[in-house]
Amino acid sequence: MAGTTKTRSWILLVAIWVALVGALLVWFTFMSKPGGGSPSSAIGLIVSWLPFLALISVWIWLTRRNSRTSSGTGWVDLYEQQVAESQRTNALLERIATALEKCSPSPG
């Protein structure tokens, strides 16, 4: 069920993006001066920069949304858990090494 919701949200996002770019192109076309003149500079700036700004906004939104793993644990928490597990493993390996040193006969 969660996979379908993700797919639907992506389809909705793409549809909104296409509609926005299409609306801007239509607006740009009809707002141009009669006789083939160029549109005002404000409209030209909006049409040229709005898709770029929207793309950057979507990128930031996806980055923030994906900053947590699927379990809800942050990357820092996962790193701290990994460090704690490594320390525990090192302690166990040291115990094994000391036990093996006690059991091995001393060269003598």
PDB file of N, CA and C in Angstrom:
ATOM      1  N   MET A   1       0.820  -1.188   0.000  1.00  0.00           N
ATOM      2  CA  MET A   1       0.000   0.000   0.000  1.00  0.00           C
ATOM      3  C   MET A   1       0.868   1.257   0.000  1.00  0.00           C
ATOM      4  N   ALA A   2       1.986   1.224   0.732  1.00  0.00           N
ATOM      5  CA  ALA A   2       2.846   2.405   0.801  1.00  0.00           C
ATOM      6  C   ALA A   2       3.509   2.668  -0.546  1.00  0.00           C
ATOM      7  N   GLY A   3       3.809   1.603  -1.302  1.00  0.00           N
ATOM      8  CA  GLY A   3       4.414   1.768  -2.618  1.00  0.00           C
ATOM      9  C   GLY A   3       3.493   2.470  -3.591  1.00  0.00           C
ATOM     10  N   THR A   4       2.189   2.156  -3.511  1.00  0.00           N
ATOM     11  CA  THR A   4       1.221   2.819  -4.390  1.00  0.00           C
ATOM     12  C   THR A   4       1.092   4.288  -4.057  1.00  0.00           C
ATOM     13  N   THR A   5       1.141   4.617  -2.772  1.00  0.00           N
ATOM     14  CA  THR A   5       1.042   6.013  -2.375  1.00  0.00           C
ATOM     15  C   THR A   5       2.247   6.785  -2.884  1.00  0.00           C
ATOM     16  N   LYS A   6       3.449   6.182  -2.806  1.00  0.00           N
ATOM     17  CA  LYS A   6       4.643   6.852  -3.322  1.00  0.00           C
ATOM     18  C   LYS A   6       4.532   7.061  -4.825  1.00  0.00           C
ATOM     19  N   THR A   7       4.056   6.038  -5.538  1.00  0.00           N
ATOM     20  CA  THR A   7       3.910   6.148  -6.982  1.00  0.00           C
ATOM     21  C   THR A   7       2.913   7.232  -7.334  1.00  0.00           C
ATOM     22  N   ARG A   8       1.796   7.259  -6.630  1.00  0.00           N
ATOM     23  CA  ARG A   8       0.790   8.295  -6.896  1.00  0.00           C
ATOM     24  C   ARG A   8       1.331   9.680  -6.615  1.00  0.00           C
ATOM     25  N   SER A   9       2.099   9.834  -5.540  1.00  0.00           N
ATOM     26  CA  SER A   9       2.636  11.156  -5.230  1.00  0.00           C
ATOM     27  C   SER A   9       3.653  11.581  -6.283  1.00  0.00           C
ATOM     28  N   TRP A  10       4.454  10.645  -6.798  1.00  0.00           N
ATOM     29  CA  TRP A  10       5.397  10.993  -7.862  1.00  0.00           C
ATOM     30  C   TRP A  10       4.660  11.379  -9.135  1.00  0.00           C
ATOM     31  N   ILE A  11       3.609  10.624  -9.474  1.00  0.00           N
ATOM     32  CA  ILE A  11       2.826  10.947 -10.669  1.00  0.00           C
ATOM     33  C   ILE A  11       2.182  12.319 -10.514  1.00  0.00           C
ATOM     34  N   LEU A  12       1.663  12.607  -9.326  1.00  0.00           N
ATOM     35  CA  LEU A  12       1.067  13.909  -9.071  1.00  0.00           C
ATOM     36  C   LEU A  12       2.108  15.017  -9.180  1.00  0.00           C
ATOM     37  N   LEU A  13       3.286  14.786  -8.651  1.00  0.00           N
ATOM     38  CA  LEU A  13       4.360  15.776  -8.714  1.00  0.00           C
ATOM     39  C   LEU A  13       4.761  16.046 -10.166  1.00  0.00           C
ATOM     40  N   VAL A  14       4.901  14.999 -10.961  1.00  0.00           N
ATOM     41  CA  VAL A  14       5.255  15.169 -12.374  1.00  0.00           C
ATOM     42  C   VAL A  14       4.141  15.889 -13.123  1.00  0.00           C
ATOM     43  N   ALA A  15       2.891  15.545 -12.817  1.00  0.00           N
ATOM     44  CA  ALA A  15       1.755  16.204 -13.479  1.00  0.00           C
ATOM     45  C   ALA A  15       1.714  17.692 -13.138  1.00  0.00           C
ATOM     46  N   ILE A  16       1.962  18.025 -11.897  1.00  0.00           N
ATOM     47  CA  ILE A  16       1.985  19.435 -11.494  1.00  0.00           C
ATOM     48  C   ILE A  16       3.120  20.155 -12.199  1.00  0.00           C
ATOM     49  N   TRP A  17       4.277  19.516 -12.287  1.00  0.00           N
ATOM     50  CA  TRP A  17       5.425  20.124 -12.966  1.00  0.00           C
ATOM     51  C   TRP A  17       5.108  20.395 -14.437  1.00  0.00           C
ATOM     52  N   VAL A  18       4.534  19.410 -15.123  1.00  0.00           N
ATOM     53  CA  VAL A  18       4.197  19.573 -16.537  1.00  0.00           C
ATOM     54  C   VAL A  18       3.151  20.666 -16.703  1.00  0.00           C
ATOM     55  N   ALA A  19       2.155  20.694 -15.814  1.00  0.00           N
ATOM     56  CA  ALA A  19       1.124  21.724 -15.899  1.00  0.00           C
ATOM     57  C   ALA A  19       1.711  23.116 -15.671  1.00  0.00           C
ATOM     58  N   LEU A  20       2.622  23.239 -14.729  1.00  0.00           N
ATOM     59  CA  LEU A  20       3.249  24.534 -14.447  1.00  0.00           C
ATOM     60  C   LEU A  20       4.061  25.029 -15.639  1.00  0.00           C
ATOM     61  N   VAL A  21       4.875  24.154 -16.194  1.00  0.00           N
ATOM     62  CA  VAL A  21       5.685  24.558 -17.346  1.00  0.00           C
ATOM     63  C   VAL A  21       4.794  24.868 -18.538  1.00  0.00           C
ATOM     64  N   GLY A  22       3.751  24.064 -18.766  1.00  0.00           N
ATOM     65  CA  GLY A  22       2.819  24.328 -19.865  1.00  0.00           C
ATOM     66  C   GLY A  22       2.095  25.654 -19.695  1.00  0.00           C
ATOM     67  N   ALA A  23       1.644  25.921 -18.471  1.00  0.00           N
ATOM     68  CA  ALA A  23       0.949  27.186 -18.209  1.00  0.00           C
ATOM     69  C   ALA A  23       1.885  28.370 -18.423  1.00  0.00           C
ATOM     70  N   LEU A  24       3.123  28.241 -18.000  1.00  0.00           N
ATOM     71  CA  LEU A  24       4.080  29.324 -18.215  1.00  0.00           C
ATOM     72  C   LEU A  24       4.364  29.547 -19.700  1.00  0.00           C
ATOM     73  N   LEU A  25       4.474  28.476 -20.453  1.00  0.00           N
ATOM     74  CA  LEU A  25       4.710  28.629 -21.895  1.00  0.00           C
ATOM     75  C   LEU A  25       3.521  29.281 -22.588  1.00  0.00           C
ATOM     76  N   VAL A  26       2.307  28.859 -22.216  1.00  0.00           N
ATOM     77  CA  VAL A  26       1.118  29.470 -22.800  1.00  0.00           C
ATOM     78  C   VAL A  26       1.036  30.937 -22.414  1.00  0.00           C
ATOM     79  N   TRP A  27       1.298  31.233 -21.154  1.00  0.00           N
ATOM     80  CA  TRP A  27       1.242  32.612 -20.688  1.00  0.00           C
ATOM     81  C   TRP A  27       2.292  33.462 -21.401  1.00  0.00           C
ATOM     82  N   PHE A  28       3.478  32.913 -21.555  1.00  0.00           N
ATOM     83  CA  PHE A  28       4.552  33.621 -22.229  1.00  0.00           C
ATOM     84  C   PHE A  28       4.172  33.910 -23.679  1.00  0.00           C
ATOM     85  N   THR A  29       3.536  32.937 -24.311  1.00  0.00           N
ATOM     86  CA  THR A  29       3.148  33.106 -25.714  1.00  0.00           C
ATOM     87  C   THR A  29       2.080  34.181 -25.867  1.00  0.00           C
ATOM     88  N   PHE A  30       1.055  34.165 -25.019  1.00  0.00           N
ATOM     89  CA  PHE A  30      -0.042  35.113 -25.159  1.00  0.00           C
ATOM     90  C   PHE A  30       0.270  36.486 -24.572  1.00  0.00           C
ATOM     91  N   MET A  31       1.248  36.581 -23.708  1.00  0.00           N
ATOM     92  CA  MET A  31       1.582  37.873 -23.124  1.00  0.00           C
ATOM     93  C   MET A  31       2.561  38.671 -23.983  1.00  0.00           C
ATOM     94  N   SER A  32       3.089  38.032 -25.031  1.00  0.00           N
ATOM     95  CA  SER A  32       4.011  38.768 -25.883  1.00  0.00           C
ATOM     96  C   SER A  32       3.245  39.864 -26.615  1.00  0.00           C
ATOM     97  N   LYS A  33       3.946  40.900 -26.944  1.00  0.00           N
ATOM     98  CA  LYS A  33       3.319  42.062 -27.583  1.00  0.00           C
ATOM     99  C   LYS A  33       2.836  41.691 -28.976  1.00  0.00           C
ATOM    100  N   PRO A  34       1.742  42.291 -29.393  1.00  0.00           N
ATOM    101  CA  PRO A  34       1.275  42.017 -30.755  1.00  0.00           C
ATOM    102  C   PRO A  34       2.316  42.499 -31.767  1.00  0.00           C
ATOM    103  N   GLY A  35       2.424  41.798 -32.834  1.00  0.00           N
ATOM    104  CA  GLY A  35       3.386  42.172 -33.859  1.00  0.00           C
ATOM    105  C   GLY A  35       4.729  41.491 -33.668  1.00  0.00           C
ATOM    106  N   GLY A  36       4.805  40.513 -32.792  1.00  0.00           N
ATOM    107  CA  GLY A  36       6.028  39.739 -32.637  1.00  0.00           C
ATOM    108  C   GLY A  36       7.065  40.386 -31.746  1.00  0.00           C
ATOM    109  N   GLY A  37       6.702  41.406 -30.996  1.00  0.00           N
ATOM    110  CA  GLY A  37       7.657  42.030 -30.085  1.00  0.00           C
ATOM    111  C   GLY A  37       7.957  41.119 -28.909  1.00  0.00           C
ATOM    112  N   SER A  38       8.980  41.448 -28.170  1.00  0.00           N
ATOM    113  CA  SER A  38       9.338  40.622 -27.015  1.00  0.00           C
ATOM    114  C   SER A  38       8.497  41.024 -25.805  1.00  0.00           C
ATOM    115  N   PRO A  39       8.210  40.090 -24.904  1.00  0.00           N
ATOM    116  CA  PRO A  39       7.425  40.411 -23.718  1.00  0.00           C
ATOM    117  C   PRO A  39       8.235  41.281 -22.752  1.00  0.00           C
ATOM    118  N   SER A  40       7.564  41.755 -21.737  1.00  0.00           N
ATOM    119  CA  SER A  40       8.264  42.602 -20.777  1.00  0.00           C
ATOM    120  C   SER A  40       9.367  41.805 -20.081  1.00  0.00           C
ATOM    121  N   SER A  41      10.325  42.514 -19.541  1.00  0.00           N
ATOM    122  CA  SER A  41      11.460  41.843 -18.931  1.00  0.00           C
ATOM    123  C   SER A  41      11.065  41.074 -17.671  1.00  0.00           C
ATOM    124  N   ALA A  42      10.049  41.560 -16.938  1.00  0.00           N
ATOM    125  CA  ALA A  42       9.605  40.851 -15.731  1.00  0.00           C
ATOM    126  C   ALA A  42       9.029  39.484 -16.083  1.00  0.00           C
ATOM    127  N   ILE A  43       8.228  39.422 -17.129  1.00  0.00           N
ATOM    128  CA  ILE A  43       7.647  38.143 -17.550  1.00  0.00           C
ATOM    129  C   ILE A  43       8.744  37.218 -18.061  1.00  0.00           C
ATOM    130  N   GLY A  44       9.700  37.777 -18.780  1.00  0.00           N
ATOM    131  CA  GLY A  44      10.816  36.970 -19.260  1.00  0.00           C
ATOM    132  C   GLY A  44      11.621  36.387 -18.114  1.00  0.00           C
ATOM    133  N   LEU A  45      11.850  37.180 -17.068  1.00  0.00           N
ATOM    134  CA  LEU A  45      12.571  36.670 -15.895  1.00  0.00           C
ATOM    135  C   LEU A  45      11.782  35.575 -15.197  1.00  0.00           C
ATOM    136  N   ILE A  46      10.491  35.775 -15.052  1.00  0.00           N
ATOM    137  CA  ILE A  46       9.660  34.771 -14.374  1.00  0.00           C
ATOM    138  C   ILE A  46       9.680  33.465 -15.153  1.00  0.00           C
ATOM    139  N   VAL A  47       9.469  33.561 -16.461  1.00  0.00           N
ATOM    140  CA  VAL A  47       9.414  32.348 -17.282  1.00  0.00           C
ATOM    141  C   VAL A  47      10.762  31.636 -17.302  1.00  0.00           C
ATOM    142  N   SER A  48      11.840  32.376 -17.301  1.00  0.00           N
ATOM    143  CA  SER A  48      13.136  31.720 -17.388  1.00  0.00           C
ATOM    144  C   SER A  48      13.629  31.194 -16.039  1.00  0.00           C
ATOM    145  N   TRP A  49      13.301  31.844 -14.926  1.00  0.00           N
ATOM    146  CA  TRP A  49      13.828  31.443 -13.626  1.00  0.00           C
ATOM    147  C   TRP A  49      12.885  30.566 -12.803  1.00  0.00           C
ATOM    148  N   LEU A  50      11.591  30.639 -13.028  1.00  0.00           N
ATOM    149  CA  LEU A  50      10.652  29.877 -12.197  1.00  0.00           C
ATOM    150  C   LEU A  50      10.865  28.365 -12.282  1.00  0.00           C
ATOM    151  N   PRO A  51      11.047  27.768 -13.463  1.00  0.00           N
ATOM    152  CA  PRO A  51      11.298  26.313 -13.485  1.00  0.00           C
ATOM    153  C   PRO A  51      12.570  25.925 -12.737  1.00  0.00           C
ATOM    154  N   PHE A  52      13.610  26.734 -12.852  1.00  0.00           N
ATOM    155  CA  PHE A  52      14.853  26.455 -12.137  1.00  0.00           C
ATOM    156  C   PHE A  52      14.643  26.521 -10.628  1.00  0.00           C
ATOM    157  N   LEU A  53      13.964  27.557 -10.163  1.00  0.00           N
ATOM    158  CA  LEU A  53      13.702  27.685  -8.732  1.00  0.00           C
ATOM    159  C   LEU A  53      12.792  26.567  -8.227  1.00  0.00           C
ATOM    160  N   ALA A  54      11.822  26.177  -9.033  1.00  0.00           N
ATOM    161  CA  ALA A  54      10.945  25.066  -8.646  1.00  0.00           C
ATOM    162  C   ALA A  54      11.744  23.766  -8.559  1.00  0.00           C
ATOM    163  N   LEU A  55      12.668  23.553  -9.483  1.00  0.00           N
ATOM    164  CA  LEU A  55      13.500  22.351  -9.457  1.00  0.00           C
ATOM    165  C   LEU A  55      14.376  22.318  -8.212  1.00  0.00           C
ATOM    166  N   ILE A  56      14.982  23.440  -7.862  1.00  0.00           N
ATOM    167  CA  ILE A  56      15.797  23.520  -6.657  1.00  0.00           C
ATOM    168  C   ILE A  56      14.936  23.273  -5.419  1.00  0.00           C
ATOM    169  N   SER A  57      13.717  23.817  -5.405  1.00  0.00           N
ATOM    170  CA  SER A  57      12.816  23.608  -4.264  1.00  0.00           C
ATOM    171  C   SER A  57      12.456  22.135  -4.101  1.00  0.00           C
ATOM    172  N   VAL A  58      12.161  21.466  -5.202  1.00  0.00           N
ATOM    173  CA  VAL A  58      11.835  20.038  -5.140  1.00  0.00           C
ATOM    174  C   VAL A  58      13.043  19.244  -4.666  1.00  0.00           C
ATOM    175  N   TRP A  59      14.233  19.615  -5.118  1.00  0.00           N
ATOM    176  CA  TRP A  59      15.452  18.934  -4.692  1.00  0.00           C
ATOM    177  C   TRP A  59      15.664  19.089  -3.190  1.00  0.00           C
ATOM    178  N   ILE A  60      15.484  20.289  -2.665  1.00  0.00           N
ATOM    179  CA  ILE A  60      15.633  20.508  -1.218  1.00  0.00           C
ATOM    180  C   ILE A  60      14.576  19.724  -0.462  1.00  0.00           C
ATOM    181  N   TRP A  61      13.344  19.711  -0.961  1.00  0.00           N
ATOM    182  CA  TRP A  61      12.266  18.978  -0.293  1.00  0.00           C
ATOM    183  C   TRP A  61      12.583  17.479  -0.257  1.00  0.00           C
ATOM    184  N   LEU A  62      13.070  16.929  -1.378  1.00  0.00           N
ATOM    185  CA  LEU A  62      13.412  15.501  -1.404  1.00  0.00           C
ATOM    186  C   LEU A  62      14.589  15.194  -0.490  1.00  0.00           C
ATOM    187  N   THR A  63      15.547  16.104  -0.419  1.00  0.00           N
ATOM    188  CA  THR A  63      16.691  15.894   0.455  1.00  0.00           C
ATOM    189  C   THR A  63      16.256  15.854   1.915  1.00  0.00           C
ATOM    190  N   ARG A  64      15.413  16.763   2.307  1.00  0.00           N
ATOM    191  CA  ARG A  64      14.939  16.780   3.696  1.00  0.00           C
ATOM    192  C   ARG A  64      14.046  15.585   3.995  1.00  0.00           C
ATOM    193  N   ARG A  65      13.234  15.190   3.016  1.00  0.00           N
ATOM    194  CA  ARG A  65      12.331  14.056   3.227  1.00  0.00           C
ATOM    195  C   ARG A  65      13.122  12.760   3.378  1.00  0.00           C
ATOM    196  N   ASN A  66      14.208  12.645   2.635  1.00  0.00           N
ATOM    197  CA  ASN A  66      15.009  11.421   2.659  1.00  0.00           C
ATOM    198  C   ASN A  66      16.133  11.475   3.682  1.00  0.00           C
ATOM    199  N   SER A  67      16.141  12.471   4.550  1.00  0.00           N
ATOM    200  CA  SER A  67      17.213  12.556   5.530  1.00  0.00           C
ATOM    201  C   SER A  67      17.050  11.514   6.627  1.00  0.00           C
ATOM    202  N   ARG A  68      15.924  10.875   6.703  1.00  0.00           N
ATOM    203  CA  ARG A  68      15.699   9.803   7.667  1.00  0.00           C
ATOM    204  C   ARG A  68      15.543   8.488   6.918  1.00  0.00           C
ATOM    205  N   THR A  69      15.909   7.413   7.577  1.00  0.00           N
ATOM    206  CA  THR A  69      15.767   6.102   6.956  1.00  0.00           C
ATOM    207  C   THR A  69      14.320   5.654   7.054  1.00  0.00           C
ATOM    208  N   SER A  70      14.027   4.503   6.492  1.00  0.00           N
ATOM    209  CA  SER A  70      12.646   4.018   6.488  1.00  0.00           C
ATOM    210  C   SER A  70      12.145   3.692   7.892  1.00  0.00           C
ATOM    211  N   SER A  71      13.049   3.408   8.825  1.00  0.00           N
ATOM    212  CA  SER A  71      12.626   3.092  10.185  1.00  0.00           C
ATOM    213  C   SER A  71      12.392   4.346  11.016  1.00  0.00           C
ATOM    214  N   GLY A  72      12.721   5.520  10.460  1.00  0.00           N
ATOM    215  CA  GLY A  72      12.537   6.761  11.190  1.00  0.00           C
ATOM    216  C   GLY A  72      13.760   7.179  11.975  1.00  0.00           C
ATOM    217  N   THR A  73      14.817   6.380  11.914  1.00  0.00           N
ATOM    218  CA  THR A  73      16.050   6.690  12.623  1.00  0.00           C
ATOM    219  C   THR A  73      16.911   7.576  11.741  1.00  0.00           C
ATOM    220  N   GLY A  74      17.492   8.597  12.322  1.00  0.00           N
ATOM    221  CA  GLY A  74      18.350   9.491  11.559  1.00  0.00           C
ATOM    222  C   GLY A  74      19.698   8.871  11.274  1.00  0.00           C
ATOM    223  N   TRP A  75      20.428   9.453  10.310  1.00  0.00           N
ATOM    224  CA  TRP A  75      21.737   8.928   9.935  1.00  0.00           C
ATOM    225  C   TRP A  75      22.726   9.021  11.091  1.00  0.00           C
ATOM    226  N   VAL A  76      22.638  10.063  11.878  1.00  0.00           N
ATOM    227  CA  VAL A  76      23.553  10.211  13.014  1.00  0.00           C
ATOM    228  C   VAL A  76      23.297   9.111  14.039  1.00  0.00           C
ATOM    229  N   ASP A  77      22.026   8.814  14.288  1.00  0.00           N
ATOM    230  CA  ASP A  77      21.691   7.745  15.226  1.00  0.00           C
ATOM    231  C   ASP A  77      22.219   6.393  14.737  1.00  0.00           C
ATOM    232  N   LEU A  78      22.072   6.144  13.432  1.00  0.00           N
ATOM    233  CA  LEU A  78      22.589   4.889  12.883  1.00  0.00           C
ATOM    234  C   LEU A  78      24.102   4.815  13.011  1.00  0.00           C
ATOM    235  N   TYR A  79      24.789   5.932  12.786  1.00  0.00           N
ATOM    236  CA  TYR A  79      26.244   5.960  12.932  1.00  0.00           C
ATOM    237  C   TYR A  79      26.649   5.691  14.374  1.00  0.00           C
ATOM    238  N   GLU A  80      25.949   6.302  15.324  1.00  0.00           N
ATOM    239  CA  GLU A  80      26.259   6.075  16.738  1.00  0.00           C
ATOM    240  C   GLU A  80      26.020   4.616  17.123  1.00  0.00           C
ATOM    241  N   GLN A  81      24.965   4.015  16.593  1.00  0.00           N
ATOM    242  CA  GLN A  81      24.710   2.604  16.860  1.00  0.00           C
ATOM    243  C   GLN A  81      25.834   1.742  16.280  1.00  0.00           C
ATOM    244  N   GLN A  82      26.327   2.106  15.091  1.00  0.00           N
ATOM    245  CA  GLN A  82      27.412   1.350  14.476  1.00  0.00           C
ATOM    246  C   GLN A  82      28.688   1.464  15.299  1.00  0.00           C
ATOM    247  N   VAL A  83      28.978   2.652  15.817  1.00  0.00           N
ATOM    248  CA  VAL A  83      30.174   2.846  16.647  1.00  0.00           C
ATOM    249  C   VAL A  83      30.067   2.015  17.920  1.00  0.00           C
ATOM    250  N   ALA A  84      28.892   2.026  18.553  1.00  0.00           N
ATOM    251  CA  ALA A  84      28.699   1.242  19.777  1.00  0.00           C
ATOM    252  C   ALA A  84      28.857  -0.253  19.490  1.00  0.00           C
ATOM    253  N   GLU A  85      28.337  -0.700  18.369  1.00  0.00           N
ATOM    254  CA  GLU A  85      28.468  -2.115  18.011  1.00  0.00           C
ATOM    255  C   GLU A  85      29.923  -2.471  17.732  1.00  0.00           C
ATOM    256  N   SER A  86      30.660  -1.574  17.093  1.00  0.00           N
ATOM    257  CA  SER A  86      32.089  -1.824  16.835  1.00  0.00           C
ATOM    258  C   SER A  86      32.876  -1.901  18.133  1.00  0.00           C
ATOM    259  N   GLN A  87      32.565  -1.043  19.083  1.00  0.00           N
ATOM    260  CA  GLN A  87      33.246  -1.081  20.375  1.00  0.00           C
ATOM    261  C   GLN A  87      32.942  -2.377  21.112  1.00  0.00           C
ATOM    262  N   ARG A  88      31.698  -2.816  21.033  1.00  0.00           N
ATOM    263  CA  ARG A  88      31.313  -4.078  21.684  1.00  0.00           C
ATOM    264  C   ARG A  88      32.037  -5.257  21.031  1.00  0.00           C
ATOM    265  N   THR A  89      32.130  -5.233  19.702  1.00  0.00           N
ATOM    266  CA  THR A  89      32.831  -6.306  18.990  1.00  0.00           C
ATOM    267  C   THR A  89      34.313  -6.308  19.341  1.00  0.00           C
ATOM    268  N   ASN A  90      34.927  -5.126  19.445  1.00  0.00           N
ATOM    269  CA  ASN A  90      36.345  -5.043  19.822  1.00  0.00           C
ATOM    270  C   ASN A  90      36.571  -5.596  21.224  1.00  0.00           C
ATOM    271  N   ALA A  91      35.674  -5.299  22.144  1.00  0.00           N
ATOM    272  CA  ALA A  91      35.807  -5.817  23.503  1.00  0.00           C
ATOM    273  C   ALA A  91      35.722  -7.342  23.513  1.00  0.00           C
ATOM    274  N   LEU A  92      34.798  -7.888  22.742  1.00  0.00           N
ATOM    275  CA  LEU A  92      34.677  -9.351  22.663  1.00  0.00           C
ATOM    276  C   LEU A  92      35.914  -9.978  22.026  1.00  0.00           C
ATOM    277  N   LEU A  93      36.451  -9.340  21.000  1.00  0.00           N
ATOM    278  CA  LEU A  93      37.657  -9.873  20.369  1.00  0.00           C
ATOM    279  C   LEU A  93      38.851  -9.827  21.322  1.00  0.00           C
ATOM    280  N   GLU A  94      38.946  -8.797  22.131  1.00  0.00           N
ATOM    281  CA  GLU A  94      40.019  -8.729  23.129  1.00  0.00           C
ATOM    282  C   GLU A  94      39.874  -9.839  24.162  1.00  0.00           C
ATOM    283  N   ARG A  95      38.642 -10.137  24.577  1.00  0.00           N
ATOM    284  CA  ARG A  95      38.420 -11.240  25.527  1.00  0.00           C
ATOM    285  C   ARG A  95      38.841 -12.564  24.911  1.00  0.00           C
ATOM    286  N   ILE A  96      38.518 -12.759  23.633  1.00  0.00           N
ATOM    287  CA  ILE A  96      38.905 -13.997  22.953  1.00  0.00           C
ATOM    288  C   ILE A  96      40.428 -14.090  22.873  1.00  0.00           C
ATOM    289  N   ALA A  97      41.083 -12.965  22.540  1.00  0.00           N
ATOM    290  CA  ALA A  97      42.544 -12.971  22.426  1.00  0.00           C
ATOM    291  C   ALA A  97      43.199 -13.292  23.764  1.00  0.00           C
ATOM    292  N   THR A  98      42.713 -12.714  24.856  1.00  0.00           N
ATOM    293  CA  THR A  98      43.300 -13.005  26.175  1.00  0.00           C
ATOM    294  C   THR A  98      43.033 -14.450  26.571  1.00  0.00           C
ATOM    295  N   ALA A  99      41.876 -14.972  26.230  1.00  0.00           N
ATOM    296  CA  ALA A  99      41.580 -16.376  26.548  1.00  0.00           C
ATOM    297  C   ALA A  99      42.504 -17.304  25.764  1.00  0.00           C
ATOM    298  N   LEU A 100      42.762 -16.976  24.497  1.00  0.00           N
ATOM    299  CA  LEU A 100      43.670 -17.792  23.722  1.00  0.00           C
ATOM    300  C   LEU A 100      45.096 -17.710  24.212  1.00  0.00           C
ATOM    301  N   GLU A 101      45.497 -16.542  24.707  1.00  0.00           N
ATOM    302  CA  GLU A 101      46.844 -16.397  25.247  1.00  0.00           C
ATOM    303  C   GLU A 101      47.014 -17.235  26.521  1.00  0.00           C
ATOM    304  N   LYS A 102      45.972 -17.324  27.340  1.00  0.00           N
ATOM    305  CA  LYS A 102      46.038 -18.121  28.571  1.00  0.00           C
ATOM    306  C   LYS A 102      46.128 -19.610  28.238  1.00  0.00           C
ATOM    307  N   CYS A 103      45.417 -20.023  27.202  1.00  0.00           N
ATOM    308  CA  CYS A 103      45.375 -21.448  26.857  1.00  0.00           C
ATOM    309  C   CYS A 103      46.614 -21.914  26.126  1.00  0.00           C
ATOM    310  N   SER A 104      47.270 -21.049  25.406  1.00  0.00           N
ATOM    311  CA  SER A 104      48.425 -21.497  24.625  1.00  0.00           C
ATOM    312  C   SER A 104      49.629 -21.692  25.557  1.00  0.00           C
ATOM    313  N   PRO A 105      50.405 -22.756  25.279  1.00  0.00           N
ATOM    314  CA  PRO A 105      51.602 -23.004  26.108  1.00  0.00           C
ATOM    315  C   PRO A 105      52.666 -21.963  25.826  1.00  0.00           C
ATOM    316  N   SER A 106      53.344 -21.568  26.852  1.00  0.00           N
ATOM    317  CA  SER A 106      54.409 -20.573  26.715  1.00  0.00           C
ATOM    318  C   SER A 106      55.640 -21.235  26.129  1.00  0.00           C
ATOM    319  N   PRO A 107      56.252 -20.560  25.161  1.00  0.00           N
ATOM    320  CA  PRO A 107      57.502 -21.139  24.641  1.00  0.00           C
ATOM    321  C   PRO A 107      58.592 -20.941  25.701  1.00  0.00           C
ATOM    322  N   GLY A 108      59.215 -21.928  25.977  1.00  0.00           N
ATOM    323  CA  GLY A 108      60.085 -21.721  27.050  1.00  0.00           C
ATOM    324  C   GLY A 108      61.319 -22.302  27.256  1.00  0.00           C
TER     325      GLY A 108
END
